Amino acid sequence: AFLERLAVQGVKVSRTRMVPPGTALVGDFTAAATLLDRR
């Protein structure tokens, strides 16, 4: 329910091993970054 409540507010929480445990990279990924997926 917690992630669902955030999603309703437009907040997406993603997981990645690119940050160490106990930290989170917070930001507006839609405006500030582009994922380059080579597919």
PDB file of all heavy atoms in Angstrom:
ATOM      1  N   ALA A   1       0.817  -1.210   0.000  1.00  0.00           N
ATOM      2  CA  ALA A   1       0.000   0.000   0.000  1.00  0.00           C
ATOM      3  C   ALA A   1       0.852   1.262   0.000  1.00  0.00           C
ATOM      4  O   ALA A   1       0.459   2.279  -0.574  1.00  0.00           O
ATOM      5  CB  ALA A   1      -0.939  -0.006   1.191  1.00  0.00           C
ATOM      6  N   PHE A   2       2.025   1.206   0.613  1.00  0.00           N
ATOM      7  CA  PHE A   2       2.873   2.397   0.697  1.00  0.00           C
ATOM      8  C   PHE A   2       3.301   2.849  -0.702  1.00  0.00           C
ATOM      9  O   PHE A   2       3.162   4.027  -1.054  1.00  0.00           O
ATOM     10  CB  PHE A   2       4.092   2.124   1.573  1.00  0.00           C
ATOM     11  CG  PHE A   2       5.014   3.300   1.683  1.00  0.00           C
ATOM     12  CD1 PHE A   2       4.637   4.429   2.385  1.00  0.00           C
ATOM     13  CD2 PHE A   2       6.257   3.287   1.062  1.00  0.00           C
ATOM     14  CE1 PHE A   2       5.476   5.527   2.484  1.00  0.00           C
ATOM     15  CE2 PHE A   2       7.103   4.381   1.155  1.00  0.00           C
ATOM     16  CZ  PHE A   2       6.708   5.502   1.870  1.00  0.00           C
ATOM     17  N   LEU A   3       3.814   1.931  -1.516  1.00  0.00           N
ATOM     18  CA  LEU A   3       4.237   2.291  -2.864  1.00  0.00           C
ATOM     19  C   LEU A   3       3.051   2.721  -3.720  1.00  0.00           C
ATOM     20  O   LEU A   3       3.177   3.615  -4.556  1.00  0.00           O
ATOM     21  CB  LEU A   3       4.982   1.132  -3.526  1.00  0.00           C
ATOM     22  CG  LEU A   3       6.354   0.810  -2.954  1.00  0.00           C
ATOM     23  CD1 LEU A   3       6.964  -0.383  -3.668  1.00  0.00           C
ATOM     24  CD2 LEU A   3       7.284   2.004  -3.042  1.00  0.00           C
ATOM     25  N   GLU A   4       1.908   2.117  -3.495  1.00  0.00           N
ATOM     26  CA  GLU A   4       0.699   2.497  -4.229  1.00  0.00           C
ATOM     27  C   GLU A   4       0.281   3.929  -3.896  1.00  0.00           C
ATOM     28  O   GLU A   4      -0.093   4.701  -4.779  1.00  0.00           O
ATOM     29  CB  GLU A   4      -0.432   1.523  -3.915  1.00  0.00           C
ATOM     30  CG  GLU A   4      -1.667   1.744  -4.755  1.00  0.00           C
ATOM     31  CD  GLU A   4      -2.727   0.697  -4.478  1.00  0.00           C
ATOM     32  OE1 GLU A   4      -2.385  -0.501  -4.422  1.00  0.00           O
ATOM     33  OE2 GLU A   4      -3.893   1.089  -4.306  1.00  0.00           O
ATOM     34  N   ARG A   5       0.358   4.286  -2.610  1.00  0.00           N
ATOM     35  CA  ARG A   5       0.018   5.659  -2.195  1.00  0.00           C
ATOM     36  C   ARG A   5       0.973   6.669  -2.825  1.00  0.00           C
ATOM     37  O   ARG A   5       0.557   7.749  -3.250  1.00  0.00           O
ATOM     38  CB  ARG A   5       0.031   5.781  -0.676  1.00  0.00           C
ATOM     39  CG  ARG A   5      -1.133   5.110   0.007  1.00  0.00           C
ATOM     40  CD  ARG A   5      -1.310   5.517   1.464  1.00  0.00           C
ATOM     41  NE  ARG A   5      -0.096   5.611   2.227  1.00  0.00           N
ATOM     42  CZ  ARG A   5       0.391   4.655   3.031  1.00  0.00           C
ATOM     43  NH1 ARG A   5      -0.258   3.506   3.153  1.00  0.00           N
ATOM     44  NH2 ARG A   5       1.486   4.829   3.706  1.00  0.00           N
ATOM     45  N   LEU A   6       2.249   6.316  -2.900  1.00  0.00           N
ATOM     46  CA  LEU A   6       3.210   7.213  -3.551  1.00  0.00           C
ATOM     47  C   LEU A   6       2.913   7.340  -5.038  1.00  0.00           C
ATOM     48  O   LEU A   6       2.971   8.435  -5.607  1.00  0.00           O
ATOM     49  CB  LEU A   6       4.644   6.704  -3.347  1.00  0.00           C
ATOM     50  CG  LEU A   6       5.222   6.836  -1.940  1.00  0.00           C
ATOM     51  CD1 LEU A   6       6.587   6.170  -1.880  1.00  0.00           C
ATOM     52  CD2 LEU A   6       5.307   8.294  -1.513  1.00  0.00           C
ATOM     53  N   ALA A   7       2.598   6.229  -5.690  1.00  0.00           N
ATOM     54  CA  ALA A   7       2.314   6.239  -7.130  1.00  0.00           C
ATOM     55  C   ALA A   7       1.126   7.136  -7.459  1.00  0.00           C
ATOM     56  O   ALA A   7       1.134   7.848  -8.471  1.00  0.00           O
ATOM     57  CB  ALA A   7       2.073   4.825  -7.630  1.00  0.00           C
ATOM     58  N   VAL A   8       0.112   7.130  -6.611  1.00  0.00           N
ATOM     59  CA  VAL A   8      -1.053   7.992  -6.811  1.00  0.00           C
ATOM     60  C   VAL A   8      -0.638   9.466  -6.810  1.00  0.00           C
ATOM     61  O   VAL A   8      -1.209  10.290  -7.515  1.00  0.00           O
ATOM     62  CB  VAL A   8      -2.124   7.712  -5.735  1.00  0.00           C
ATOM     63  CG1 VAL A   8      -3.210   8.770  -5.728  1.00  0.00           C
ATOM     64  CG2 VAL A   8      -2.716   6.327  -5.933  1.00  0.00           C
ATOM     65  N   GLN A   9       0.395   9.786  -6.039  1.00  0.00           N
ATOM     66  CA  GLN A   9       0.908  11.159  -5.968  1.00  0.00           C
ATOM     67  C   GLN A   9       1.927  11.464  -7.071  1.00  0.00           C
ATOM     68  O   GLN A   9       2.498  12.547  -7.107  1.00  0.00           O
ATOM     69  CB  GLN A   9       1.548  11.405  -4.600  1.00  0.00           C
ATOM     70  CG  GLN A   9       0.589  11.250  -3.440  1.00  0.00           C
ATOM     71  CD  GLN A   9      -0.577  12.221  -3.518  1.00  0.00           C
ATOM     72  OE1 GLN A   9      -0.404  13.391  -3.829  1.00  0.00           O
ATOM     73  NE2 GLN A   9      -1.774  11.726  -3.274  1.00  0.00           N
ATOM     74  N   GLY A  10       2.185  10.488  -7.945  1.00  0.00           N
ATOM     75  CA  GLY A  10       3.130  10.697  -9.041  1.00  0.00           C
ATOM     76  C   GLY A  10       4.573  10.383  -8.682  1.00  0.00           C
ATOM     77  O   GLY A  10       5.489  10.763  -9.409  1.00  0.00           O
ATOM     78  N   VAL A  11       4.792   9.703  -7.555  1.00  0.00           N
ATOM     79  CA  VAL A  11       6.146   9.367  -7.118  1.00  0.00           C
ATOM     80  C   VAL A  11       6.423   7.903  -7.438  1.00  0.00           C
ATOM     81  O   VAL A  11       5.659   7.020  -7.043  1.00  0.00           O
ATOM     82  CB  VAL A  11       6.319   9.609  -5.593  1.00  0.00           C
ATOM     83  CG1 VAL A  11       7.696   9.168  -5.127  1.00  0.00           C
ATOM     84  CG2 VAL A  11       6.076  11.071  -5.273  1.00  0.00           C
ATOM     85  N   LYS A  12       7.499   7.671  -8.161  1.00  0.00           N
ATOM     86  CA  LYS A  12       7.898   6.308  -8.487  1.00  0.00           C
ATOM     87  C   LYS A  12       9.175   5.978  -7.717  1.00  0.00           C
ATOM     88  O   LYS A  12      10.130   6.746  -7.736  1.00  0.00           O
ATOM     89  CB  LYS A  12       8.160   6.183  -9.983  1.00  0.00           C
ATOM     90  CG  LYS A  12       8.539   4.791 -10.399  1.00  0.00           C
ATOM     91  CD  LYS A  12       8.726   4.695 -11.901  1.00  0.00           C
ATOM     92  CE  LYS A  12       9.085   3.277 -12.286  1.00  0.00           C
ATOM     93  NZ  LYS A  12       9.256   3.157 -13.734  1.00  0.00           N
ATOM     94  N   VAL A  13       9.171   4.842  -7.037  1.00  0.00           N
ATOM     95  CA  VAL A  13      10.338   4.394  -6.281  1.00  0.00           C
ATOM     96  C   VAL A  13      10.912   3.185  -7.020  1.00  0.00           C
ATOM     97  O   VAL A  13      10.227   2.176  -7.191  1.00  0.00           O
ATOM     98  CB  VAL A  13       9.971   4.018  -4.825  1.00  0.00           C
ATOM     99  CG1 VAL A  13      11.209   3.576  -4.067  1.00  0.00           C
ATOM    100  CG2 VAL A  13       9.292   5.190  -4.126  1.00  0.00           C
ATOM    101  N   SER A  14      12.145   3.312  -7.454  1.00  0.00           N
ATOM    102  CA  SER A  14      12.804   2.242  -8.198  1.00  0.00           C
ATOM    103  C   SER A  14      13.964   1.694  -7.402  1.00  0.00           C
ATOM    104  O   SER A  14      14.531   2.375  -6.550  1.00  0.00           O
ATOM    105  CB  SER A  14      13.330   2.775  -9.531  1.00  0.00           C
ATOM    106  OG  SER A  14      12.280   3.274 -10.306  1.00  0.00           O
ATOM    107  N   ARG A  15      14.340   0.472  -7.718  1.00  0.00           N
ATOM    108  CA  ARG A  15      15.480  -0.143  -7.033  1.00  0.00           C
ATOM    109  C   ARG A  15      16.649  -0.270  -8.008  1.00  0.00           C
ATOM    110  O   ARG A  15      16.463  -0.508  -9.189  1.00  0.00           O
ATOM    111  CB  ARG A  15      15.089  -1.502  -6.458  1.00  0.00           C
ATOM    112  CG  ARG A  15      14.691  -2.512  -7.490  1.00  0.00           C
ATOM    113  CD  ARG A  15      14.129  -3.768  -6.820  1.00  0.00           C
ATOM    114  NE  ARG A  15      13.865  -4.806  -7.778  1.00  0.00           N
ATOM    115  CZ  ARG A  15      12.780  -4.916  -8.521  1.00  0.00           C
ATOM    116  NH1 ARG A  15      11.833  -4.008  -8.408  1.00  0.00           N
ATOM    117  NH2 ARG A  15      12.630  -5.908  -9.359  1.00  0.00           N
ATOM    118  N   THR A  16      17.836  -0.095  -7.471  1.00  0.00           N
ATOM    119  CA  THR A  16      19.055  -0.226  -8.263  1.00  0.00           C
ATOM    120  C   THR A  16      20.222  -0.512  -7.333  1.00  0.00           C
ATOM    121  O   THR A  16      20.255  -0.028  -6.210  1.00  0.00           O
ATOM    122  CB  THR A  16      19.347   1.040  -9.089  1.00  0.00           C
ATOM    123  OG1 THR A  16      20.553   0.842  -9.826  1.00  0.00           O
ATOM    124  CG2 THR A  16      19.501   2.269  -8.198  1.00  0.00           C
ATOM    125  N   ARG A  17      21.165  -1.258  -7.818  1.00  0.00           N
ATOM    126  CA  ARG A  17      22.373  -1.528  -7.042  1.00  0.00           C
ATOM    127  C   ARG A  17      23.454  -0.473  -7.325  1.00  0.00           C
ATOM    128  O   ARG A  17      24.576  -0.596  -6.872  1.00  0.00           O
ATOM    129  CB  ARG A  17      22.897  -2.925  -7.362  1.00  0.00           C
ATOM    130  CG  ARG A  17      22.074  -4.017  -6.724  1.00  0.00           C
ATOM    131  CD  ARG A  17      22.648  -5.385  -6.982  1.00  0.00           C
ATOM    132  NE  ARG A  17      22.147  -6.488  -6.207  1.00  0.00           N
ATOM    133  CZ  ARG A  17      20.908  -6.782  -5.888  1.00  0.00           C
ATOM    134  NH1 ARG A  17      19.953  -5.984  -6.239  1.00  0.00           N
ATOM    135  NH2 ARG A  17      20.583  -7.846  -5.207  1.00  0.00           N
ATOM    136  N   MET A  18      23.088   0.583  -8.048  1.00  0.00           N
ATOM    137  CA  MET A  18      24.052   1.639  -8.362  1.00  0.00           C
ATOM    138  C   MET A  18      24.232   2.617  -7.211  1.00  0.00           C
ATOM    139  O   MET A  18      25.063   3.510  -7.279  1.00  0.00           O
ATOM    140  CB  MET A  18      23.646   2.382  -9.640  1.00  0.00           C
ATOM    141  CG  MET A  18      23.785   1.522 -10.878  1.00  0.00           C
ATOM    142  SD  MET A  18      23.516   2.424 -12.421  1.00  0.00           S
ATOM    143  CE  MET A  18      21.729   2.453 -12.473  1.00  0.00           C
ATOM    144  N   VAL A  19      23.414   2.492  -6.162  1.00  0.00           N
ATOM    145  CA  VAL A  19      23.600   3.290  -4.946  1.00  0.00           C
ATOM    146  C   VAL A  19      23.809   2.325  -3.789  1.00  0.00           C
ATOM    147  O   VAL A  19      23.278   1.213  -3.798  1.00  0.00           O
ATOM    148  CB  VAL A  19      22.405   4.231  -4.662  1.00  0.00           C
ATOM    149  CG1 VAL A  19      22.242   5.269  -5.742  1.00  0.00           C
ATOM    150  CG2 VAL A  19      21.124   3.448  -4.469  1.00  0.00           C
ATOM    151  N   PRO A  20      24.586   2.711  -2.798  1.00  0.00           N
ATOM    152  CA  PRO A  20      24.819   1.812  -1.665  1.00  0.00           C
ATOM    153  C   PRO A  20      23.574   1.667  -0.790  1.00  0.00           C
ATOM    154  O   PRO A  20      22.720   2.562  -0.762  1.00  0.00           O
ATOM    155  CB  PRO A  20      25.962   2.488  -0.895  1.00  0.00           C
ATOM    156  CG  PRO A  20      25.994   3.891  -1.356  1.00  0.00           C
ATOM    157  CD  PRO A  20      25.363   3.946  -2.710  1.00  0.00           C
ATOM    158  N   PRO A  21      23.469   0.545  -0.074  1.00  0.00           N
ATOM    159  CA  PRO A  21      22.353   0.390   0.867  1.00  0.00           C
ATOM    160  C   PRO A  21      22.314   1.559   1.853  1.00  0.00           C
ATOM    161  O   PRO A  21      23.353   2.084   2.249  1.00  0.00           O
ATOM    162  CB  PRO A  21      22.671  -0.922   1.593  1.00  0.00           C
ATOM    163  CG  PRO A  21      23.569  -1.670   0.670  1.00  0.00           C
ATOM    164  CD  PRO A  21      24.366  -0.622  -0.059  1.00  0.00           C
ATOM    165  N   GLY A  22      21.107   1.956   2.214  1.00  0.00           N
ATOM    166  CA  GLY A  22      20.951   3.051   3.170  1.00  0.00           C
ATOM    167  C   GLY A  22      20.925   4.424   2.532  1.00  0.00           C
ATOM    168  O   GLY A  22      20.874   5.421   3.234  1.00  0.00           O
ATOM    169  N   THR A  23      20.945   4.484   1.194  1.00  0.00           N
ATOM    170  CA  THR A  23      20.885   5.771   0.502  1.00  0.00           C
ATOM    171  C   THR A  23      19.838   5.707  -0.604  1.00  0.00           C
ATOM    172  O   THR A  23      19.413   4.633  -1.018  1.00  0.00           O
ATOM    173  CB  THR A  23      22.238   6.163  -0.127  1.00  0.00           C
ATOM    174  OG1 THR A  23      22.587   5.192  -1.114  1.00  0.00           O
ATOM    175  CG2 THR A  23      23.324   6.266   0.910  1.00  0.00           C
ATOM    176  N   ALA A  24      19.439   6.872  -1.067  1.00  0.00           N
ATOM    177  CA  ALA A  24      18.505   6.968  -2.187  1.00  0.00           C
ATOM    178  C   ALA A  24      18.896   8.165  -3.039  1.00  0.00           C
ATOM    179  O   ALA A  24      19.282   9.216  -2.506  1.00  0.00           O
ATOM    180  CB  ALA A  24      17.075   7.129  -1.697  1.00  0.00           C
ATOM    181  N   LEU A  25      18.820   8.002  -4.333  1.00  0.00           N
ATOM    182  CA  LEU A  25      19.015   9.115  -5.263  1.00  0.00           C
ATOM    183  C   LEU A  25      17.630   9.657  -5.572  1.00  0.00           C
ATOM    184  O   LEU A  25      16.783   8.951  -6.131  1.00  0.00           O
ATOM    185  CB  LEU A  25      19.704   8.636  -6.544  1.00  0.00           C
ATOM    186  CG  LEU A  25      20.015   9.716  -7.569  1.00  0.00           C
ATOM    187  CD1 LEU A  25      20.982  10.746  -6.993  1.00  0.00           C
ATOM    188  CD2 LEU A  25      20.573   9.091  -8.830  1.00  0.00           C
ATOM    189  N   VAL A  26      17.390  10.907  -5.171  1.00  0.00           N
ATOM    190  CA  VAL A  26      16.074  11.522  -5.293  1.00  0.00           C
ATOM    191  C   VAL A  26      16.146  12.611  -6.341  1.00  0.00           C
ATOM    192  O   VAL A  26      17.079  13.418  -6.346  1.00  0.00           O
ATOM    193  CB  VAL A  26      15.627  12.115  -3.930  1.00  0.00           C
ATOM    194  CG1 VAL A  26      14.257  12.751  -4.045  1.00  0.00           C
ATOM    195  CG2 VAL A  26      15.655  11.056  -2.848  1.00  0.00           C
ATOM    196  N   GLY A  27      15.174  12.620  -7.248  1.00  0.00           N
ATOM    197  CA  GLY A  27      15.172  13.671  -8.249  1.00  0.00           C
ATOM    198  C   GLY A  27      14.055  13.507  -9.256  1.00  0.00           C
ATOM    199  O   GLY A  27      13.288  12.550  -9.227  1.00  0.00           O
ATOM    200  N   ASP A  28      13.995  14.461 -10.160  1.00  0.00           N
ATOM    201  CA  ASP A  28      13.006  14.448 -11.230  1.00  0.00           C
ATOM    202  C   ASP A  28      13.653  13.831 -12.465  1.00  0.00           C
ATOM    203  O   ASP A  28      14.227  14.516 -13.302  1.00  0.00           O
ATOM    204  CB  ASP A  28      12.532  15.870 -11.515  1.00  0.00           C
ATOM    205  CG  ASP A  28      11.402  15.914 -12.525  1.00  0.00           C
ATOM    206  OD1 ASP A  28      11.151  14.883 -13.182  1.00  0.00           O
ATOM    207  OD2 ASP A  28      10.786  16.973 -12.672  1.00  0.00           O
ATOM    208  N   PHE A  29      13.595  12.508 -12.546  1.00  0.00           N
ATOM    209  CA  PHE A  29      14.251  11.806 -13.639  1.00  0.00           C
ATOM    210  C   PHE A  29      13.622  12.141 -14.989  1.00  0.00           C
ATOM    211  O   PHE A  29      14.302  12.176 -16.001  1.00  0.00           O
ATOM    212  CB  PHE A  29      14.208  10.291 -13.401  1.00  0.00           C
ATOM    213  CG  PHE A  29      15.219   9.834 -12.387  1.00  0.00           C
ATOM    214  CD1 PHE A  29      14.942   9.905 -11.036  1.00  0.00           C
ATOM    215  CD2 PHE A  29      16.446   9.352 -12.790  1.00  0.00           C
ATOM    216  CE1 PHE A  29      15.873   9.489 -10.101  1.00  0.00           C
ATOM    217  CE2 PHE A  29      17.390   8.942 -11.857  1.00  0.00           C
ATOM    218  CZ  PHE A  29      17.095   9.015 -10.509  1.00  0.00           C
ATOM    219  N   THR A  30      12.323  12.402 -15.020  1.00  0.00           N
ATOM    220  CA  THR A  30      11.653  12.714 -16.281  1.00  0.00           C
ATOM    221  C   THR A  30      12.224  13.987 -16.903  1.00  0.00           C
ATOM    222  O   THR A  30      12.445  14.058 -18.103  1.00  0.00           O
ATOM    223  CB  THR A  30      10.137  12.872 -16.055  1.00  0.00           C
ATOM    224  OG1 THR A  30       9.641  11.678 -15.465  1.00  0.00           O
ATOM    225  CG2 THR A  30       9.417  13.122 -17.352  1.00  0.00           C
ATOM    226  N   ALA A  31      12.489  14.995 -16.087  1.00  0.00           N
ATOM    227  CA  ALA A  31      12.989  16.270 -16.594  1.00  0.00           C
ATOM    228  C   ALA A  31      14.501  16.308 -16.725  1.00  0.00           C
ATOM    229  O   ALA A  31      15.031  16.999 -17.589  1.00  0.00           O
ATOM    230  CB  ALA A  31      12.538  17.403 -15.672  1.00  0.00           C
ATOM    231  N   ALA A  32      15.203  15.568 -15.897  1.00  0.00           N
ATOM    232  CA  ALA A  32      16.647  15.780 -15.777  1.00  0.00           C
ATOM    233  C   ALA A  32      17.518  14.668 -16.342  1.00  0.00           C
ATOM    234  O   ALA A  32      18.734  14.822 -16.407  1.00  0.00           O
ATOM    235  CB  ALA A  32      17.006  15.992 -14.307  1.00  0.00           C
ATOM    236  N   ALA A  33      16.933  13.547 -16.758  1.00  0.00           N
ATOM    237  CA  ALA A  33      17.760  12.439 -17.231  1.00  0.00           C
ATOM    238  C   ALA A  33      17.018  11.625 -18.283  1.00  0.00           C
ATOM    239  O   ALA A  33      15.791  11.645 -18.350  1.00  0.00           O
ATOM    240  CB  ALA A  33      18.155  11.541 -16.068  1.00  0.00           C
ATOM    241  N   THR A  34      17.784  10.911 -19.087  1.00  0.00           N
ATOM    242  CA  THR A  34      17.229  10.028 -20.100  1.00  0.00           C
ATOM    243  C   THR A  34      17.886   8.660 -19.961  1.00  0.00           C
ATOM    244  O   THR A  34      19.114   8.569 -19.908  1.00  0.00           O
ATOM    245  CB  THR A  34      17.493  10.575 -21.519  1.00  0.00           C
ATOM    246  OG1 THR A  34      16.947  11.888 -21.613  1.00  0.00           O
ATOM    247  CG2 THR A  34      16.879   9.678 -22.573  1.00  0.00           C
ATOM    248  N   LEU A  35      17.076   7.618 -19.907  1.00  0.00           N
ATOM    249  CA  LEU A  35      17.595   6.260 -19.877  1.00  0.00           C
ATOM    250  C   LEU A  35      17.916   5.843 -21.312  1.00  0.00           C
ATOM    251  O   LEU A  35      17.066   5.929 -22.190  1.00  0.00           O
ATOM    252  CB  LEU A  35      16.579   5.301 -19.264  1.00  0.00           C
ATOM    253  CG  LEU A  35      17.016   3.844 -19.155  1.00  0.00           C
ATOM    254  CD1 LEU A  35      18.231   3.710 -18.234  1.00  0.00           C
ATOM    255  CD2 LEU A  35      15.874   2.981 -18.658  1.00  0.00           C
ATOM    256  N   LEU A  36      19.144   5.423 -21.530  1.00  0.00           N
ATOM    257  CA  LEU A  36      19.584   4.996 -22.852  1.00  0.00           C
ATOM    258  C   LEU A  36      19.586   3.469 -22.879  1.00  0.00           C
ATOM    259  O   LEU A  36      20.551   2.829 -22.486  1.00  0.00           O
ATOM    260  CB  LEU A  36      20.980   5.558 -23.144  1.00  0.00           C
ATOM    261  CG  LEU A  36      21.112   7.076 -22.983  1.00  0.00           C
ATOM    262  CD1 LEU A  36      22.561   7.500 -23.060  1.00  0.00           C
ATOM    263  CD2 LEU A  36      20.285   7.786 -24.039  1.00  0.00           C
ATOM    264  N   ASP A  37      18.503   2.910 -23.320  1.00  0.00           N
ATOM    265  CA  ASP A  37      18.330   1.458 -23.349  1.00  0.00           C
ATOM    266  C   ASP A  37      18.677   0.966 -24.745  1.00  0.00           C
ATOM    267  O   ASP A  37      17.998   1.284 -25.718  1.00  0.00           O
ATOM    268  CB  ASP A  37      16.892   1.107 -23.001  1.00  0.00           C
ATOM    269  CG  ASP A  37      16.644  -0.388 -22.913  1.00  0.00           C
ATOM    270  OD1 ASP A  37      17.575  -1.181 -23.170  1.00  0.00           O
ATOM    271  OD2 ASP A  37      15.513  -0.766 -22.576  1.00  0.00           O
ATOM    272  N   ARG A  38      19.732   0.165 -24.859  1.00  0.00           N
ATOM    273  CA  ARG A  38      20.154  -0.359 -26.168  1.00  0.00           C
ATOM    274  C   ARG A  38      19.240  -1.465 -26.650  1.00  0.00           C
ATOM    275  O   ARG A  38      19.378  -1.936 -27.770  1.00  0.00           O
ATOM    276  CB  ARG A  38      21.587  -0.863 -26.082  1.00  0.00           C
ATOM    277  CG  ARG A  38      22.581   0.264 -25.874  1.00  0.00           C
ATOM    278  CD  ARG A  38      23.987  -0.211 -25.870  1.00  0.00           C
ATOM    279  NE  ARG A  38      24.300  -0.924 -27.104  1.00  0.00           N
ATOM    280  CZ  ARG A  38      25.466  -1.507 -27.349  1.00  0.00           C
ATOM    281  NH1 ARG A  38      26.416  -1.456 -26.454  1.00  0.00           N
ATOM    282  NH2 ARG A  38      25.680  -2.136 -28.462  1.00  0.00           N
ATOM    283  N   ARG A  39      18.318  -1.886 -25.800  1.00  0.00           N
ATOM    284  CA  ARG A  39      17.380  -2.949 -26.144  1.00  0.00           C
ATOM    285  C   ARG A  39      18.099  -4.206 -26.619  1.00  0.00           C
ATOM    286  O   ARG A  39      17.677  -4.879 -27.546  1.00  0.00           O
ATOM    287  CB  ARG A  39      16.367  -2.481 -27.184  1.00  0.00           C
ATOM    288  CG  ARG A  39      15.501  -1.350 -26.695  1.00  0.00           C
ATOM    289  CD  ARG A  39      14.382  -1.053 -27.671  1.00  0.00           C
ATOM    290  NE  ARG A  39      13.633   0.099 -27.264  1.00  0.00           N
ATOM    291  CZ  ARG A  39      12.580   0.061 -26.471  1.00  0.00           C
ATOM    292  NH1 ARG A  39      12.172  -1.071 -25.992  1.00  0.00           N
ATOM    293  NH2 ARG A  39      11.945   1.157 -26.143  1.00  0.00           N
TER     294      ARG A  39
END
